[in-house]
């Protein structure tokens, strides 16, 4: 099942970069919980719940970011229905227009072949450690 989990996370990331909210909802468990540090960089993160969380999540992202995407995406199997991804978030501030590049990482727990628990991290080492891996 591990390669299937990695493939699911890769499909979710592709949908995220396209802002394909329907595809993301289809890949999400009804009890999805997503903690995002990128939609609110000034706080400890914002928790979104439910498969329809993608609408408010992207609305919040659009408040701060003029444009953004994930580059250099790598997804790694972390066993027990867990996957971790490491990448770079590349974007432009909405107000300032300043270009931003920052390492990014997410941990994923899957349930019944769907995204169930997702958490973003500003430091990839923290995400890897959270799933028992190292760089």
Protein backbone atom coordinates (compact mmCIF):
# COMPACT_ATOMS: atom_id res chain seq x y z
CA UNK A 1 0.00 0.00 0.00
CA UNK A 2 2.94 2.37 0.51
CA UNK A 3 3.44 3.23 -3.17
CA UNK A 4 -0.32 3.80 -3.47
CA UNK A 5 -0.10 6.25 -0.54
CA UNK A 6 2.81 8.12 -2.12
CA UNK A 7 0.92 8.26 -5.44
CA UNK A 8 -2.17 9.66 -3.68
CA UNK A 9 -0.09 12.41 -2.04
CA UNK A 10 1.51 13.25 -5.39
CA UNK A 11 -1.93 13.54 -7.02
CA UNK A 12 -3.05 15.80 -4.16
CA UNK A 13 0.00 18.02 -4.63
CA UNK A 14 -0.63 18.31 -8.35
CA UNK A 15 -4.25 19.29 -7.62
CA UNK A 16 -3.03 21.81 -5.00
CA UNK A 17 -0.74 23.52 -7.52
CA UNK A 18 -3.66 23.72 -9.99
CA UNK A 19 -6.04 24.86 -7.22
CA UNK A 20 -8.33 22.01 -8.26
CA UNK A 21 -10.61 22.09 -5.22
CA UNK A 22 -12.89 19.31 -6.49
CA UNK A 23 -9.95 16.92 -6.98
CA UNK A 24 -8.64 17.76 -3.51
CA UNK A 25 -12.06 17.16 -1.95
CA UNK A 26 -12.31 13.82 -3.77
CA UNK A 27 -8.94 12.78 -2.31
CA UNK A 28 -10.01 13.81 1.21
CA UNK A 29 -11.56 11.75 3.98
CA UNK A 30 -14.85 13.17 5.35
CA UNK A 31 -13.01 13.70 8.66
CA UNK A 32 -9.98 15.46 7.13
CA UNK A 33 -8.00 17.77 9.40
CA UNK A 34 -5.31 20.06 7.92
CA UNK A 35 -3.03 22.29 9.98
CA UNK A 36 -1.46 24.92 7.74
CA UNK A 37 1.36 27.24 8.72
CA UNK A 38 1.44 28.80 5.24
CA UNK A 39 -2.02 30.32 5.26
CA UNK A 40 -1.12 32.23 8.45
CA UNK A 41 2.63 32.71 8.73
CA UNK A 42 2.22 35.03 11.70
CA UNK A 43 0.68 32.35 13.92
CA UNK A 44 1.24 28.76 14.92
CA UNK A 45 -0.97 27.58 12.11
CA UNK A 46 -4.63 27.40 11.22
CA UNK A 47 -6.61 24.18 11.52
CA UNK A 48 -9.12 23.39 8.78
CA UNK A 49 -11.58 20.50 8.95
CA UNK A 50 -13.67 18.48 6.50
CA UNK A 51 -13.26 17.62 2.82
CA UNK A 52 -14.62 21.03 1.82
CA UNK A 53 -11.85 22.82 3.77
CA UNK A 54 -10.08 23.62 0.53
CA UNK A 55 -12.37 26.59 -0.28
CA UNK A 56 -11.60 28.54 2.93
CA UNK A 57 -7.97 27.42 2.84
CA UNK A 58 -7.36 28.82 -0.64
CA UNK A 59 -9.36 31.97 0.18
CA UNK A 60 -7.03 32.55 3.13
CA UNK A 61 -3.96 31.89 0.98
CA UNK A 62 -5.19 34.47 -1.56
CA UNK A 63 -5.40 37.09 1.22
CA UNK A 64 -1.61 36.96 1.72
CA UNK A 65 -0.15 35.57 -1.48
CA UNK A 66 -0.45 37.02 -4.97
CA UNK A 67 0.77 33.77 -6.43
CA UNK A 68 2.34 30.60 -5.14
CA UNK A 69 3.22 27.05 -6.02
CA UNK A 70 5.19 24.13 -4.71
CA UNK A 71 8.39 23.17 -6.52
CA UNK A 72 10.92 20.35 -6.15
CA UNK A 73 8.25 18.14 -4.55
CA UNK A 74 9.35 14.78 -3.12
CA UNK A 75 7.03 12.37 -1.31
CA UNK A 76 8.42 9.62 0.88
CA UNK A 77 6.70 6.60 2.39
CA UNK A 78 6.84 6.73 6.18
CA UNK A 79 5.02 3.40 6.82
CA UNK A 80 1.75 2.80 8.64
CA UNK A 81 -0.33 4.83 6.16
CA UNK A 82 1.93 7.86 6.61
CA UNK A 83 3.72 9.91 3.97
CA UNK A 84 5.96 12.95 4.28
CA UNK A 85 6.69 15.46 1.55
CA UNK A 86 9.55 17.91 1.24
CA UNK A 87 9.51 20.80 -1.23
CA UNK A 88 9.91 24.55 -1.70
CA UNK A 89 7.05 27.02 -1.52
CA UNK A 90 7.66 29.72 -4.11
CA UNK A 91 5.42 32.73 -4.25
CA UNK A 92 4.93 36.45 -4.32
CA UNK A 93 3.47 38.57 -1.54
CA UNK A 94 0.10 40.02 -2.47
CA UNK A 95 0.74 43.52 -1.08
CA UNK A 96 4.50 43.77 -1.43
CA UNK A 97 5.04 41.78 -4.60
CA UNK A 98 8.18 40.43 -2.93
CA UNK A 99 9.31 37.02 -4.14
CA UNK A 100 9.44 34.40 -1.39
CA UNK A 101 11.05 30.98 -1.42
CA UNK A 102 10.86 28.81 1.65
CA UNK A 103 11.42 25.13 2.37
CA UNK A 104 8.18 23.35 3.05
CA UNK A 105 7.18 19.96 4.34
CA UNK A 106 3.96 18.17 5.13
CA UNK A 107 3.09 15.01 6.98
CA UNK A 108 0.11 12.97 5.88
CA UNK A 109 -1.85 10.21 7.56
CA UNK A 110 -4.17 8.37 5.24
CA UNK A 111 -7.33 6.48 6.05
CA UNK A 112 -9.25 4.31 3.60
CA UNK A 113 -7.09 5.60 0.75
CA UNK A 114 -7.84 9.26 1.46
CA UNK A 115 -6.07 12.23 3.08
CA UNK A 116 -7.06 12.15 6.75
CA UNK A 117 -4.54 14.16 8.84
CA UNK A 118 -2.25 16.68 7.14
CA UNK A 119 0.14 19.07 8.85
CA UNK A 120 2.53 21.57 7.28
CA UNK A 121 5.93 22.52 8.66
CA UNK A 122 8.25 25.44 7.98
CA UNK A 123 11.27 23.19 8.52
CA UNK A 124 11.51 19.88 6.63
CA UNK A 125 13.58 18.32 9.44
CA UNK A 126 10.62 18.73 11.81
CA UNK A 127 8.27 16.90 9.45
CA UNK A 128 10.75 14.10 8.86
CA UNK A 129 11.26 13.73 12.61
CA UNK A 130 7.49 13.67 13.18
CA UNK A 131 7.24 10.50 11.05
CA UNK A 132 10.45 8.91 12.33
CA UNK A 133 12.68 9.73 9.37
CA UNK A 134 15.75 11.94 9.01
CA UNK A 135 17.35 13.91 6.18
